[in-house]
Amino acid sequence: MATSYGRDLGFGVATLIGVVLMIQIAAFPFALVYGRLAGVFGTRNMLFVGIAVYVVITLGSFLMPDLPSMELRVAAFWALAFLVTTSMGGIQALSRSFFGRLIPPERSAEFFGFYNIFGKFATIIGPFLMGIISRMTGDSRYGILSIIILFVAGGVALMMVDRSAPDS
């Protein structure tokens, strides 16, 4: 979604490819950082941190077109992409391990099947929501802003996880 939004903002292909490459390469070290921090602060807490970072990224993306120059917008896009990098790998790794500790071991294949199906559904619903809202408003900024609904829903769902769950 970031590349389509970047195109809407007028960023060049080289910038968009560079940002995507940076995110993919730098996400791995931050996954390790999240793992270490989860050992100190708890997995559940670090998942909340990741969700909060994504909310900040979404708000920053919404406000980015208001910056006075293209140079500032490009710099903000790189900064927001870096924030994505800090949480993307960490959330993916921690959410899988946290989920693995919550489910009954004898039914792990079944539960991870559901986990994967919901993950695939999320890759559809996010862009769909962004597209529908962008189309309805005529502005992709509001499409980006609508994604906050999904982060809040994820945070609420995580809040409902039993606090006595392993490493929560």
Protein backbone atom coordinates (compact mmCIF):
# COMPACT_ATOMS: atom_id res chain seq x y z
CA MET A 1 0.00 0.00 0.00
CA ALA A 2 2.91 2.33 0.65
CA THR A 3 4.05 2.28 -2.97
CA SER A 4 0.60 3.10 -4.35
CA TYR A 5 0.27 5.91 -1.80
CA GLY A 6 3.76 7.11 -2.70
CA ARG A 7 2.75 7.23 -6.37
CA ASP A 8 -0.33 9.26 -5.41
CA LEU A 9 1.99 11.73 -3.69
CA GLY A 10 4.17 11.98 -6.80
CA PHE A 11 7.25 10.04 -5.63
CA GLY A 12 9.47 8.54 -8.30
CA VAL A 13 9.95 4.86 -8.92
CA ALA A 14 13.55 4.96 -7.67
CA THR A 15 12.43 6.35 -4.30
CA LEU A 16 9.69 3.74 -3.96
CA ILE A 17 11.99 0.83 -4.86
CA GLY A 18 14.66 2.15 -2.48
CA VAL A 19 12.16 2.40 0.36
CA VAL A 20 10.81 -1.12 -0.23
CA LEU A 21 14.34 -2.56 -0.33
CA MET A 22 15.33 -0.72 2.85
CA ILE A 23 12.27 -2.05 4.65
CA GLN A 24 12.92 -5.64 3.58
CA ILE A 25 16.61 -5.59 4.47
CA ALA A 26 16.42 -3.72 7.77
CA ALA A 27 13.34 -5.50 9.16
CA PHE A 28 15.35 -8.59 10.16
CA PRO A 29 17.65 -6.85 12.68
CA PHE A 30 14.65 -5.12 14.25
CA ALA A 31 12.89 -8.48 14.59
CA LEU A 32 15.86 -9.51 16.75
CA VAL A 33 15.63 -6.26 18.72
CA TYR A 34 11.93 -6.85 19.36
CA GLY A 35 12.75 -10.38 20.51
CA ARG A 36 15.26 -9.09 23.05
CA LEU A 37 12.92 -6.35 24.24
CA ALA A 38 10.11 -8.90 24.58
CA GLY A 39 12.39 -10.80 26.96
CA VAL A 40 12.57 -7.69 29.13
CA PHE A 41 9.11 -6.14 28.76
CA GLY A 42 6.98 -9.11 27.68
CA THR A 43 5.77 -10.19 24.27
CA ARG A 44 2.30 -8.76 24.67
CA ASN A 45 3.66 -5.34 25.64
CA MET A 46 5.98 -5.29 22.64
CA LEU A 47 3.07 -6.17 20.37
CA PHE A 48 1.24 -3.14 21.78
CA VAL A 49 4.34 -1.03 21.07
CA GLY A 50 4.38 -2.26 17.48
CA ILE A 51 0.70 -1.46 17.03
CA ALA A 52 1.28 2.03 18.47
CA VAL A 53 4.17 2.58 16.05
CA TYR A 54 1.89 1.61 13.17
CA VAL A 55 -0.75 4.09 14.36
CA VAL A 56 1.92 6.83 14.41
CA ILE A 57 3.00 5.81 10.89
CA THR A 58 -0.59 5.98 9.68
CA LEU A 59 -1.14 9.43 11.19
CA GLY A 60 2.17 10.63 9.75
CA SER A 61 1.20 9.31 6.34
CA PHE A 62 -2.10 11.14 6.53
CA LEU A 63 -0.34 14.42 7.38
CA MET A 64 2.55 14.02 4.92
CA PRO A 65 0.88 15.77 1.93
CA ASP A 66 0.56 18.93 4.06
CA LEU A 67 4.34 19.34 4.18
CA PRO A 68 5.39 22.43 2.23
CA SER A 69 7.83 20.87 -0.24
CA MET A 70 8.39 17.65 -2.15
CA GLU A 71 11.81 17.29 -0.52
CA LEU A 72 10.23 17.29 2.94
CA ARG A 73 7.57 14.81 1.80
CA VAL A 74 10.23 12.46 0.44
CA ALA A 75 12.24 12.76 3.67
CA ALA A 76 9.08 12.08 5.71
CA PHE A 77 8.29 9.08 3.51
CA TRP A 78 11.75 7.62 4.22
CA ALA A 79 11.37 8.33 7.94
CA LEU A 80 7.97 6.64 8.06
CA ALA A 81 9.36 3.71 6.07
CA PHE A 82 12.11 3.40 8.66
CA LEU A 83 9.45 3.29 11.39
CA VAL A 84 7.73 0.50 9.45
CA THR A 85 11.06 -1.30 9.44
CA THR A 86 11.36 -1.03 13.20
CA SER A 87 8.07 -2.83 13.81
CA MET A 88 7.27 -5.00 10.80
CA GLY A 89 9.62 -7.90 11.49
CA GLY A 90 9.16 -7.66 15.24
CA ILE A 91 5.39 -7.84 15.11
CA GLN A 92 5.46 -10.73 12.66
CA ALA A 93 7.89 -12.77 14.74
CA LEU A 94 6.39 -11.97 18.13
CA SER A 95 2.80 -12.52 17.07
CA ARG A 96 3.59 -16.00 15.76
CA SER A 97 5.49 -17.02 18.87
CA PHE A 98 2.84 -15.50 21.16
CA PHE A 99 0.08 -17.30 19.27
CA GLY A 100 2.07 -20.54 19.48
CA ARG A 101 2.18 -20.28 23.26
CA LEU A 102 -1.57 -19.66 23.50
CA ILE A 103 -2.81 -22.63 21.49
CA PRO A 104 -3.01 -26.26 22.58
CA PRO A 105 0.10 -28.06 21.26
CA GLU A 106 -1.88 -31.09 20.09
CA ARG A 107 -3.97 -28.84 17.81
CA SER A 108 -1.20 -26.52 16.58
CA ALA A 109 -1.59 -27.44 12.89
CA GLU A 110 -5.29 -26.60 12.99
CA PHE A 111 -4.77 -23.32 14.83
CA PHE A 112 -1.87 -22.19 12.64
CA GLY A 113 -4.05 -22.98 9.63
CA PHE A 114 -6.57 -20.48 10.95
CA TYR A 115 -3.74 -18.05 11.73
CA ASN A 116 -2.56 -18.23 8.11
CA ILE A 117 -6.09 -17.83 6.71
CA PHE A 118 -6.65 -14.73 8.83
CA GLY A 119 -3.27 -13.41 7.71
CA LYS A 120 -4.29 -13.81 4.08
CA PHE A 121 -7.61 -12.13 4.86
CA ALA A 122 -5.71 -9.19 6.39
CA THR A 123 -3.69 -8.74 3.19
CA ILE A 124 -7.00 -8.37 1.36
CA ILE A 125 -9.02 -6.31 3.84
CA GLY A 126 -6.37 -3.59 4.37
CA PRO A 127 -5.96 -2.64 0.70
CA PHE A 128 -9.71 -3.13 0.15
CA LEU A 129 -10.55 -0.74 2.99
CA MET A 130 -7.98 1.77 1.78
CA GLY A 131 -9.31 1.55 -1.78
CA ILE A 132 -12.97 1.86 -0.82
CA ILE A 133 -12.38 4.85 1.47
CA SER A 134 -10.06 6.50 -1.06
CA ARG A 135 -12.68 6.04 -3.75
CA MET A 136 -15.52 7.32 -1.54
CA THR A 137 -13.60 10.43 -0.45
CA GLY A 138 -11.60 11.00 -3.62
CA ASP A 139 -8.45 11.29 -1.48
CA SER A 140 -6.03 8.47 -0.72
CA ARG A 141 -5.06 10.23 2.51
CA TYR A 142 -8.36 9.16 4.04
CA GLY A 143 -7.83 5.67 2.70
CA ILE A 144 -4.55 5.52 4.61
CA LEU A 145 -6.20 6.97 7.70
CA SER A 146 -8.91 4.28 7.60
CA ILE A 147 -6.27 1.61 8.24
CA ILE A 148 -6.14 2.81 11.86
CA ILE A 149 -9.42 0.95 12.33
CA LEU A 150 -7.58 -2.33 11.76
CA PHE A 151 -4.76 -1.46 14.17
CA VAL A 152 -7.23 -0.45 16.86
CA ALA A 153 -9.20 -3.66 16.31
CA GLY A 154 -5.98 -5.67 16.62
CA GLY A 155 -5.07 -3.84 19.82
CA VAL A 156 -8.52 -4.45 21.29
CA ALA A 157 -8.32 -8.15 20.37
CA LEU A 158 -4.89 -8.35 22.01
CA MET A 159 -6.26 -6.66 25.13
CA MET A 160 -8.81 -9.45 25.43
CA VAL A 161 -6.10 -12.11 25.61
CA ASP A 162 -5.97 -13.59 29.07
CA ARG A 163 -3.25 -11.82 31.06
CA SER A 164 -2.26 -15.14 32.58
CA ALA A 165 -1.26 -16.38 29.12
CA PRO A 166 2.40 -17.43 28.84
CA ASP A 167 4.78 -14.45 28.57
CA SER A 168 2.04 -11.87 28.36
